[in-house]
């Protein structure tokens, strides 16, 4: 039945997307780090180190780094096992999915090595990178997560982020710009 409803919706409304917008405000104070985070070394990372990473999936993320971006790595025994990237200012403006003001940034990518999944790398990386972004002067951070990506939603919740909106995009006539609906 669910598959039939999806087919019917796609036929009537075209392609669609449903995202949760998550927020972490500097005013909320420091986010709790999971106890497992003590075993990791989490901090800023340069593009060259990402490009030299042994894991091809992590290495492929290097294009997210650069001007207008803050890149963070989670290292285990000296090896990069997770990455996340925040974009701000002019770097983010062409994407324009969520309106950013000055001193705001959007977490545009987070990835964990498959071998490390289940070891709380993502919440540790999100919490530690968020604390560093706050220390750099950003007062609000945002992220966009597919509405039913429960592992990611749980990782952000564990790192102290909260839901601030639901965004639904519909493209019934394959328009140049889809219709975008925002719900609190």
N, C-alpha and C. Protein backbone atom coordinates (compact mmCIF):
# COMPACT_ATOMS: atom_id res chain seq x y z
N UNK A 1 0.82 -1.19 0.00
CA UNK A 1 0.00 0.00 0.00
C UNK A 1 0.87 1.27 0.00
N UNK A 2 1.93 1.25 0.82
CA UNK A 2 2.82 2.41 0.90
C UNK A 2 3.47 2.69 -0.45
N UNK A 3 3.90 1.64 -1.14
CA UNK A 3 4.53 1.80 -2.45
C UNK A 3 3.53 2.38 -3.46
N UNK A 4 2.29 1.94 -3.39
CA UNK A 4 1.26 2.44 -4.29
C UNK A 4 1.01 3.93 -4.04
N UNK A 5 0.94 4.32 -2.78
CA UNK A 5 0.75 5.73 -2.44
C UNK A 5 1.92 6.59 -2.95
N UNK A 6 3.13 6.07 -2.83
CA UNK A 6 4.29 6.80 -3.33
C UNK A 6 4.21 6.98 -4.85
N UNK A 7 3.83 5.92 -5.56
CA UNK A 7 3.71 6.00 -7.02
C UNK A 7 2.64 7.01 -7.41
N UNK A 8 1.53 7.00 -6.71
CA UNK A 8 0.44 7.93 -7.00
C UNK A 8 0.88 9.37 -6.73
N UNK A 9 1.54 9.59 -5.61
CA UNK A 9 2.03 10.94 -5.28
C UNK A 9 3.04 11.42 -6.31
N UNK A 10 3.94 10.56 -6.73
CA UNK A 10 4.95 10.96 -7.72
C UNK A 10 4.28 11.27 -9.07
N UNK A 11 3.27 10.50 -9.44
CA UNK A 11 2.57 10.75 -10.71
C UNK A 11 1.86 12.10 -10.68
N UNK A 12 1.27 12.44 -9.54
CA UNK A 12 0.51 13.69 -9.44
C UNK A 12 1.39 14.90 -9.14
N UNK A 13 2.39 14.71 -8.31
CA UNK A 13 3.17 15.85 -7.82
C UNK A 13 4.59 15.91 -8.38
N UNK A 14 5.00 14.93 -9.15
CA UNK A 14 6.36 14.91 -9.68
C UNK A 14 7.35 14.53 -8.60
N UNK A 15 8.61 14.85 -8.84
CA UNK A 15 9.64 14.55 -7.85
C UNK A 15 9.38 15.35 -6.59
N UNK A 16 9.77 14.79 -5.47
CA UNK A 16 9.56 15.47 -4.20
C UNK A 16 10.76 15.22 -3.30
N UNK A 17 10.89 16.06 -2.30
CA UNK A 17 11.86 15.83 -1.24
C UNK A 17 11.28 16.36 0.05
N UNK A 18 11.63 15.68 1.14
CA UNK A 18 11.14 16.07 2.47
C UNK A 18 12.35 16.06 3.40
N UNK A 19 12.67 17.22 3.94
CA UNK A 19 13.84 17.36 4.81
C UNK A 19 13.46 17.96 6.15
N UNK A 20 14.15 17.50 7.17
CA UNK A 20 14.11 18.14 8.48
C UNK A 20 15.25 19.15 8.51
N UNK A 21 14.98 20.34 9.00
CA UNK A 21 16.03 21.33 9.21
C UNK A 21 16.33 21.31 10.70
N UNK A 22 17.60 21.12 11.01
CA UNK A 22 18.05 21.04 12.40
C UNK A 22 18.88 22.27 12.71
N UNK A 23 18.86 22.66 14.00
CA UNK A 23 19.56 23.88 14.40
C UNK A 23 20.31 23.64 15.71
N UNK A 24 21.45 24.29 15.80
CA UNK A 24 22.22 24.32 17.06
C UNK A 24 22.61 25.77 17.30
N UNK A 25 22.09 26.35 18.37
CA UNK A 25 22.37 27.74 18.70
C UNK A 25 23.50 27.82 19.71
N UNK A 26 24.36 28.80 19.56
CA UNK A 26 25.45 29.01 20.52
C UNK A 26 24.89 29.30 21.90
N UNK A 27 23.70 29.90 21.96
CA UNK A 27 23.08 30.22 23.24
C UNK A 27 22.71 28.97 24.03
N UNK A 28 22.63 27.83 23.36
CA UNK A 28 22.27 26.58 24.04
C UNK A 28 23.40 26.06 24.92
N UNK A 29 24.58 26.63 24.78
CA UNK A 29 25.73 26.17 25.56
C UNK A 29 26.39 24.97 24.91
N UNK A 30 27.43 24.45 25.54
CA UNK A 30 28.17 23.33 24.94
C UNK A 30 27.31 22.07 24.85
N UNK A 31 27.48 21.35 23.75
CA UNK A 31 26.75 20.10 23.54
C UNK A 31 27.45 18.98 24.29
N UNK A 32 26.68 18.02 24.78
CA UNK A 32 27.31 16.89 25.47
C UNK A 32 28.06 16.00 24.48
N UNK A 33 29.25 15.60 24.85
CA UNK A 33 30.00 14.65 24.02
C UNK A 33 29.71 13.24 24.51
N UNK A 34 29.45 12.30 23.60
CA UNK A 34 29.24 10.93 24.05
C UNK A 34 30.52 10.40 24.69
N UNK A 35 30.41 9.51 25.67
CA UNK A 35 31.61 9.00 26.34
C UNK A 35 32.63 8.39 25.37
N UNK A 36 32.16 7.82 24.27
CA UNK A 36 33.06 7.21 23.29
C UNK A 36 33.97 8.24 22.63
N UNK A 37 33.58 9.52 22.69
CA UNK A 37 34.36 10.57 22.03
C UNK A 37 35.74 10.72 22.64
N UNK A 38 35.91 10.32 23.89
CA UNK A 38 37.21 10.45 24.55
C UNK A 38 38.28 9.64 23.82
N UNK A 39 37.89 8.61 23.11
CA UNK A 39 38.85 7.76 22.40
C UNK A 39 39.28 8.37 21.07
N UNK A 40 38.60 9.41 20.60
CA UNK A 40 38.86 9.99 19.29
C UNK A 40 39.60 11.32 19.41
N UNK A 41 40.30 11.66 18.35
CA UNK A 41 40.92 12.98 18.21
C UNK A 41 40.09 13.71 17.16
N UNK A 42 39.36 14.74 17.58
CA UNK A 42 38.47 15.47 16.68
C UNK A 42 38.93 16.91 16.58
N UNK A 43 39.08 17.39 15.35
CA UNK A 43 39.49 18.77 15.15
C UNK A 43 39.52 19.16 13.70
N UNK A 44 39.88 20.41 13.43
CA UNK A 44 39.96 20.89 12.05
C UNK A 44 40.92 20.04 11.22
N UNK A 45 40.64 19.98 9.92
CA UNK A 45 41.47 19.21 9.00
C UNK A 45 41.62 20.02 7.71
N UNK A 46 42.77 19.89 7.09
CA UNK A 46 43.04 20.58 5.83
C UNK A 46 42.74 19.65 4.65
N UNK A 47 42.45 20.25 3.52
CA UNK A 47 42.12 19.49 2.31
C UNK A 47 43.22 18.49 1.95
N UNK A 48 44.49 18.87 2.09
CA UNK A 48 45.60 17.98 1.72
C UNK A 48 45.56 16.69 2.54
N UNK A 49 45.22 16.79 3.82
CA UNK A 49 45.14 15.58 4.65
C UNK A 49 43.98 14.69 4.22
N UNK A 50 42.87 15.31 3.83
CA UNK A 50 41.72 14.53 3.34
C UNK A 50 42.10 13.82 2.04
N UNK A 51 42.77 14.54 1.15
CA UNK A 51 43.18 13.95 -0.13
C UNK A 51 44.18 12.82 0.04
N UNK A 52 44.90 12.80 1.16
CA UNK A 52 45.88 11.74 1.42
C UNK A 52 45.28 10.59 2.24
N UNK A 53 44.01 10.68 2.58
CA UNK A 53 43.35 9.66 3.40
C UNK A 53 43.33 8.31 2.67
N UNK A 54 43.52 7.24 3.41
CA UNK A 54 43.55 5.90 2.82
C UNK A 54 42.18 5.44 2.33
N UNK A 55 41.11 5.89 2.98
CA UNK A 55 39.75 5.46 2.64
C UNK A 55 39.25 6.25 1.43
N UNK A 56 38.97 5.58 0.30
CA UNK A 56 38.56 6.30 -0.91
C UNK A 56 37.24 7.06 -0.74
N UNK A 57 36.32 6.53 0.06
CA UNK A 57 35.04 7.21 0.28
C UNK A 57 35.25 8.52 1.03
N UNK A 58 36.12 8.51 2.02
CA UNK A 58 36.42 9.74 2.76
C UNK A 58 37.25 10.69 1.90
N UNK A 59 38.19 10.16 1.16
CA UNK A 59 39.04 10.98 0.28
C UNK A 59 38.19 11.75 -0.74
N UNK A 60 37.12 11.14 -1.21
CA UNK A 60 36.26 11.76 -2.22
C UNK A 60 35.53 13.00 -1.69
N UNK A 61 35.55 13.22 -0.39
CA UNK A 61 34.85 14.36 0.21
C UNK A 61 35.69 15.64 0.19
N UNK A 62 36.92 15.57 -0.27
CA UNK A 62 37.85 16.71 -0.20
C UNK A 62 37.31 17.97 -0.87
N UNK A 63 36.46 17.81 -1.89
CA UNK A 63 35.97 18.99 -2.60
C UNK A 63 35.10 19.88 -1.71
N UNK A 64 34.60 19.35 -0.58
CA UNK A 64 33.81 20.17 0.34
C UNK A 64 34.68 21.19 1.07
N UNK A 65 35.99 20.94 1.17
CA UNK A 65 36.90 21.84 1.89
C UNK A 65 37.28 23.02 1.01
N UNK A 66 37.85 24.05 1.62
CA UNK A 66 38.32 25.21 0.87
C UNK A 66 37.79 26.50 1.46
N UNK A 67 37.88 27.56 0.68
CA UNK A 67 37.45 28.87 1.15
C UNK A 67 35.95 28.87 1.44
N UNK A 68 35.55 29.50 2.53
CA UNK A 68 34.14 29.55 2.92
C UNK A 68 33.67 28.25 3.54
N UNK A 69 34.60 27.40 3.93
CA UNK A 69 34.26 26.11 4.53
C UNK A 69 35.11 25.87 5.77
N UNK A 70 34.55 25.16 6.71
CA UNK A 70 35.30 24.66 7.86
C UNK A 70 35.18 23.14 7.83
N UNK A 71 36.31 22.47 7.80
CA UNK A 71 36.34 21.01 7.70
C UNK A 71 36.86 20.42 9.00
N UNK A 72 36.25 19.32 9.43
CA UNK A 72 36.63 18.64 10.68
C UNK A 72 36.80 17.16 10.42
N UNK A 73 37.76 16.57 11.13
CA UNK A 73 38.01 15.13 11.02
C UNK A 73 37.93 14.51 12.40
N UNK A 74 37.47 13.28 12.41
CA UNK A 74 37.53 12.43 13.60
C UNK A 74 38.60 11.38 13.28
N UNK A 75 39.59 11.31 14.14
CA UNK A 75 40.69 10.37 13.93
C UNK A 75 40.67 9.31 15.02
N UNK A 76 40.94 8.09 14.61
CA UNK A 76 41.08 6.97 15.54
C UNK A 76 42.44 6.34 15.24
N UNK A 77 43.30 6.32 16.22
CA UNK A 77 44.67 5.81 16.04
C UNK A 77 45.38 6.51 14.87
N UNK A 78 45.13 7.81 14.73
CA UNK A 78 45.80 8.59 13.70
C UNK A 78 45.16 8.55 12.32
N UNK A 79 44.18 7.68 12.12
CA UNK A 79 43.51 7.54 10.82
C UNK A 79 42.19 8.31 10.82
N UNK A 80 41.91 9.00 9.72
CA UNK A 80 40.62 9.69 9.60
C UNK A 80 39.52 8.65 9.45
N UNK A 81 38.51 8.72 10.35
CA UNK A 81 37.40 7.78 10.31
C UNK A 81 36.06 8.49 10.14
N UNK A 82 36.07 9.81 10.13
CA UNK A 82 34.86 10.58 9.92
C UNK A 82 35.21 12.01 9.54
N UNK A 83 34.33 12.62 8.75
CA UNK A 83 34.53 14.00 8.31
C UNK A 83 33.21 14.75 8.37
N UNK A 84 33.28 16.05 8.64
CA UNK A 84 32.11 16.90 8.44
C UNK A 84 32.58 18.27 7.97
N UNK A 85 31.69 18.94 7.25
CA UNK A 85 32.01 20.21 6.61
C UNK A 85 30.88 21.19 6.82
N UNK A 86 31.25 22.41 7.18
CA UNK A 86 30.31 23.52 7.29
C UNK A 86 30.65 24.52 6.20
N UNK A 87 29.62 25.05 5.56
CA UNK A 87 29.80 26.13 4.60
C UNK A 87 29.10 27.37 5.14
N UNK A 88 29.63 28.54 4.77
CA UNK A 88 29.05 29.80 5.21
C UNK A 88 29.33 30.87 4.14
N UNK A 89 28.66 32.01 4.28
CA UNK A 89 28.90 33.15 3.38
C UNK A 89 28.70 32.82 1.92
N UNK A 90 29.59 33.36 1.09
CA UNK A 90 29.47 33.21 -0.37
C UNK A 90 29.60 31.76 -0.82
N UNK A 91 30.32 30.95 -0.10
CA UNK A 91 30.46 29.54 -0.48
C UNK A 91 29.10 28.85 -0.47
N UNK A 92 28.26 29.19 0.51
CA UNK A 92 26.97 28.53 0.63
C UNK A 92 25.88 29.18 -0.24
N UNK A 93 25.97 30.47 -0.50
CA UNK A 93 24.87 31.19 -1.16
C UNK A 93 24.34 30.54 -2.43
N UNK A 94 25.16 30.01 -3.34
CA UNK A 94 24.59 29.39 -4.54
C UNK A 94 23.66 28.22 -4.23
N UNK A 95 23.92 27.50 -3.15
CA UNK A 95 23.03 26.39 -2.79
C UNK A 95 21.67 26.94 -2.37
N UNK A 96 21.70 27.91 -1.46
CA UNK A 96 20.51 28.64 -1.07
C UNK A 96 19.34 27.83 -0.55
N UNK A 97 19.54 26.59 -0.13
CA UNK A 97 18.41 25.81 0.35
C UNK A 97 17.83 26.41 1.62
N UNK A 98 18.69 26.87 2.50
CA UNK A 98 18.26 27.47 3.76
C UNK A 98 18.91 28.84 3.87
N UNK A 99 18.13 29.88 4.17
CA UNK A 99 18.71 31.22 4.22
C UNK A 99 19.64 31.38 5.43
N UNK A 100 20.88 31.76 5.17
CA UNK A 100 21.85 31.98 6.25
C UNK A 100 22.11 33.47 6.41
N UNK A 101 22.20 33.89 7.65
CA UNK A 101 22.58 35.26 7.99
C UNK A 101 24.07 35.28 8.32
N UNK A 102 24.59 36.47 8.58
CA UNK A 102 25.97 36.56 9.05
C UNK A 102 26.11 35.76 10.34
N UNK A 103 27.25 35.18 10.55
CA UNK A 103 27.56 34.38 11.74
C UNK A 103 26.72 33.11 11.83
N UNK A 104 26.22 32.64 10.68
CA UNK A 104 25.52 31.37 10.61
C UNK A 104 26.21 30.49 9.58
N UNK A 105 26.15 29.19 9.80
CA UNK A 105 26.76 28.23 8.87
C UNK A 105 25.86 27.00 8.76
N UNK A 106 26.06 26.25 7.69
CA UNK A 106 25.28 25.03 7.48
C UNK A 106 26.22 23.84 7.36
N UNK A 107 25.93 22.81 8.12
CA UNK A 107 26.68 21.56 8.00
C UNK A 107 26.18 20.91 6.70
N UNK A 108 27.06 20.84 5.70
CA UNK A 108 26.64 20.38 4.38
C UNK A 108 26.99 18.92 4.10
N UNK A 109 27.87 18.34 4.92
CA UNK A 109 28.23 16.93 4.71
C UNK A 109 28.81 16.36 5.99
N UNK A 110 28.37 15.15 6.30
CA UNK A 110 28.99 14.37 7.38
C UNK A 110 29.05 12.93 6.89
N UNK A 111 30.18 12.30 7.13
CA UNK A 111 30.36 10.92 6.68
C UNK A 111 31.25 10.19 7.68
N UNK A 112 30.91 8.94 7.91
CA UNK A 112 31.68 8.08 8.81
C UNK A 112 32.15 6.87 8.02
N UNK A 113 33.36 6.45 8.27
CA UNK A 113 33.89 5.24 7.65
C UNK A 113 32.98 4.06 8.00
N UNK A 114 32.62 3.22 7.02
CA UNK A 114 31.73 2.09 7.31
C UNK A 114 32.21 1.22 8.47
N UNK A 115 33.51 1.05 8.61
CA UNK A 115 34.06 0.21 9.69
C UNK A 115 33.82 0.81 11.07
N UNK A 116 33.52 2.11 11.13
CA UNK A 116 33.35 2.80 12.42
C UNK A 116 31.90 3.07 12.76
N UNK A 117 30.98 2.67 11.92
CA UNK A 117 29.57 2.95 12.19
C UNK A 117 29.13 2.21 13.45
N UNK A 118 28.32 2.87 14.24
CA UNK A 118 27.86 2.29 15.50
C UNK A 118 28.75 2.62 16.68
N UNK A 119 29.84 3.34 16.44
CA UNK A 119 30.78 3.68 17.52
C UNK A 119 30.66 5.14 17.95
N UNK A 120 29.55 5.79 17.57
CA UNK A 120 29.24 7.17 17.97
C UNK A 120 30.20 8.21 17.39
N UNK A 121 30.79 7.91 16.24
CA UNK A 121 31.67 8.87 15.58
C UNK A 121 30.87 10.11 15.17
N UNK A 122 29.70 9.91 14.55
CA UNK A 122 28.93 11.05 14.04
C UNK A 122 28.50 12.01 15.15
N UNK A 123 27.87 11.53 16.23
CA UNK A 123 27.49 12.51 17.27
C UNK A 123 28.70 13.20 17.90
N UNK A 124 29.80 12.47 18.06
CA UNK A 124 31.01 13.08 18.63
C UNK A 124 31.55 14.15 17.68
N UNK A 125 31.57 13.86 16.40
CA UNK A 125 32.07 14.80 15.39
C UNK A 125 31.16 16.03 15.30
N UNK A 126 29.86 15.81 15.31
CA UNK A 126 28.90 16.92 15.24
C UNK A 126 29.04 17.82 16.47
N UNK A 127 29.10 17.22 17.66
CA UNK A 127 29.20 18.01 18.90
C UNK A 127 30.52 18.77 18.97
N UNK A 128 31.63 18.10 18.70
CA UNK A 128 32.94 18.76 18.81
C UNK A 128 33.11 19.84 17.74
N UNK A 129 32.67 19.57 16.52
CA UNK A 129 32.81 20.58 15.46
C UNK A 129 31.90 21.76 15.74
N UNK A 130 30.70 21.49 16.26
CA UNK A 130 29.78 22.58 16.62
C UNK A 130 30.38 23.48 17.68
N UNK A 131 31.04 22.89 18.68
CA UNK A 131 31.68 23.69 19.73
C UNK A 131 32.79 24.56 19.13
N UNK A 132 33.56 24.01 18.19
CA UNK A 132 34.62 24.79 17.56
C UNK A 132 34.04 25.91 16.70
N UNK A 133 32.96 25.62 15.99
CA UNK A 133 32.32 26.66 15.17
C UNK A 133 31.83 27.81 16.06
N UNK A 134 31.28 27.48 17.21
CA UNK A 134 30.85 28.51 18.16
C UNK A 134 32.05 29.32 18.63
N UNK A 135 33.14 28.64 18.93
CA UNK A 135 34.36 29.34 19.36
C UNK A 135 34.90 30.25 18.26
N UNK A 136 34.62 29.93 17.01
CA UNK A 136 35.06 30.76 15.87
C UNK A 136 34.14 31.96 15.65
N UNK A 137 33.06 32.05 16.43
CA UNK A 137 32.17 33.21 16.33
C UNK A 137 30.85 32.96 15.63
N UNK A 138 30.55 31.73 15.22
CA UNK A 138 29.26 31.44 14.60
C UNK A 138 28.22 31.29 15.71
N UNK A 139 27.07 31.96 15.55
CA UNK A 139 26.08 31.91 16.62
C UNK A 139 24.95 30.93 16.36
N UNK A 140 24.84 30.43 15.13
CA UNK A 140 23.80 29.44 14.85
C UNK A 140 24.25 28.55 13.69
N UNK A 141 24.04 27.26 13.86
CA UNK A 141 24.41 26.26 12.86
C UNK A 141 23.15 25.54 12.41
N UNK A 142 23.10 25.17 11.14
CA UNK A 142 21.96 24.46 10.59
C UNK A 142 22.43 23.21 9.86
N UNK A 143 21.52 22.26 9.71
CA UNK A 143 21.76 21.06 8.92
C UNK A 143 20.44 20.64 8.28
N UNK A 144 20.54 19.95 7.17
CA UNK A 144 19.36 19.44 6.46
C UNK A 144 19.51 17.92 6.40
N UNK A 145 18.48 17.21 6.87
CA UNK A 145 18.53 15.75 6.92
C UNK A 145 17.23 15.21 6.33
N UNK A 146 17.34 14.19 5.47
CA UNK A 146 16.16 13.54 4.90
C UNK A 146 15.25 13.13 6.04
N UNK A 147 13.95 13.35 5.88
CA UNK A 147 12.98 13.24 6.96
C UNK A 147 12.98 11.90 7.69
N UNK A 148 13.35 10.82 7.04
CA UNK A 148 13.32 9.52 7.73
C UNK A 148 14.70 8.87 7.82
N UNK A 149 15.75 9.68 7.78
CA UNK A 149 17.11 9.17 7.97
C UNK A 149 17.37 9.13 9.48
N UNK A 150 16.82 8.12 10.12
CA UNK A 150 16.85 8.04 11.58
C UNK A 150 18.26 7.98 12.17
N UNK A 151 19.22 7.28 11.59
CA UNK A 151 20.57 7.32 12.17
C UNK A 151 21.14 8.74 12.21
N UNK A 152 20.95 9.51 11.15
CA UNK A 152 21.45 10.89 11.15
C UNK A 152 20.67 11.76 12.11
N UNK A 153 19.35 11.64 12.11
CA UNK A 153 18.54 12.42 13.05
C UNK A 153 18.94 12.13 14.49
N UNK A 154 19.19 10.86 14.80
CA UNK A 154 19.61 10.48 16.15
C UNK A 154 20.99 11.04 16.49
N UNK A 155 21.90 11.04 15.52
CA UNK A 155 23.25 11.58 15.76
C UNK A 155 23.17 13.07 16.08
N UNK A 156 22.37 13.81 15.33
CA UNK A 156 22.23 15.24 15.61
C UNK A 156 21.55 15.48 16.96
N UNK A 157 20.53 14.70 17.28
CA UNK A 157 19.86 14.85 18.58
C UNK A 157 20.83 14.58 19.72
N UNK A 158 21.65 13.54 19.58
CA UNK A 158 22.63 13.21 20.62
C UNK A 158 23.67 14.32 20.78
N UNK A 159 23.89 15.10 19.72
CA UNK A 159 24.86 16.19 19.77
C UNK A 159 24.21 17.51 20.18
N UNK A 160 22.95 17.47 20.60
CA UNK A 160 22.29 18.66 21.12
C UNK A 160 21.60 19.55 20.10
N UNK A 161 21.40 19.06 18.88
CA UNK A 161 20.70 19.84 17.86
C UNK A 161 19.21 19.60 17.99
N UNK A 162 18.40 20.57 17.56
CA UNK A 162 16.94 20.42 17.62
C UNK A 162 16.33 20.71 16.25
N UNK A 163 15.15 20.18 16.06
CA UNK A 163 14.44 20.39 14.80
C UNK A 163 13.83 21.78 14.80
N UNK A 164 13.97 22.49 13.68
CA UNK A 164 13.37 23.83 13.62
C UNK A 164 12.38 23.97 12.46
N UNK A 165 12.40 23.05 11.50
CA UNK A 165 11.46 23.15 10.39
C UNK A 165 11.41 21.83 9.62
N UNK A 166 10.36 21.69 8.86
CA UNK A 166 10.21 20.61 7.89
C UNK A 166 10.04 21.31 6.54
N UNK A 167 10.84 20.94 5.56
CA UNK A 167 10.75 21.55 4.23
C UNK A 167 10.36 20.47 3.23
N UNK A 168 9.30 20.74 2.48
CA UNK A 168 8.81 19.82 1.46
C UNK A 168 8.95 20.53 0.11
N UNK A 169 9.60 19.86 -0.83
CA UNK A 169 9.71 20.39 -2.19
C UNK A 169 8.92 19.48 -3.13
N UNK A 170 8.13 20.11 -3.98
CA UNK A 170 7.35 19.40 -4.98
C UNK A 170 7.66 19.99 -6.34
N UNK A 171 7.67 19.14 -7.36
CA UNK A 171 7.93 19.62 -8.71
C UNK A 171 6.95 18.96 -9.68
N UNK A 172 5.67 19.40 -9.63
CA UNK A 172 4.64 18.71 -10.41
C UNK A 172 4.81 18.80 -11.92
N UNK A 173 5.34 19.87 -12.42
CA UNK A 173 5.44 20.04 -13.87
C UNK A 173 6.88 20.12 -14.33
N UNK A 174 7.78 19.59 -13.52
CA UNK A 174 9.22 19.66 -13.80
C UNK A 174 9.64 21.11 -14.05
N UNK A 175 9.18 21.95 -13.15
CA UNK A 175 9.48 23.38 -13.22
C UNK A 175 10.97 23.62 -13.02
N UNK A 176 11.45 24.79 -13.45
CA UNK A 176 12.86 25.13 -13.24
C UNK A 176 13.18 25.19 -11.75
N UNK A 177 12.25 25.71 -10.96
CA UNK A 177 12.41 25.75 -9.50
C UNK A 177 11.21 25.04 -8.88
N UNK A 178 11.44 24.07 -8.03
CA UNK A 178 10.32 23.37 -7.41
C UNK A 178 9.58 24.27 -6.42
N UNK A 179 8.37 23.88 -6.10
CA UNK A 179 7.62 24.56 -5.06
C UNK A 179 8.23 24.14 -3.73
N UNK A 180 8.44 25.08 -2.86
CA UNK A 180 9.02 24.78 -1.55
C UNK A 180 8.06 25.22 -0.46
N UNK A 181 7.67 24.27 0.38
CA UNK A 181 6.78 24.54 1.51
C UNK A 181 7.57 24.34 2.80
N UNK A 182 7.42 25.27 3.71
CA UNK A 182 8.14 25.19 4.98
C UNK A 182 7.13 25.14 6.12
N UNK A 183 7.32 24.16 6.99
CA UNK A 183 6.45 24.00 8.16
C UNK A 183 7.30 24.08 9.42
N UNK A 184 6.80 24.75 10.46
CA UNK A 184 7.58 24.83 11.71
C UNK A 184 7.70 23.47 12.38
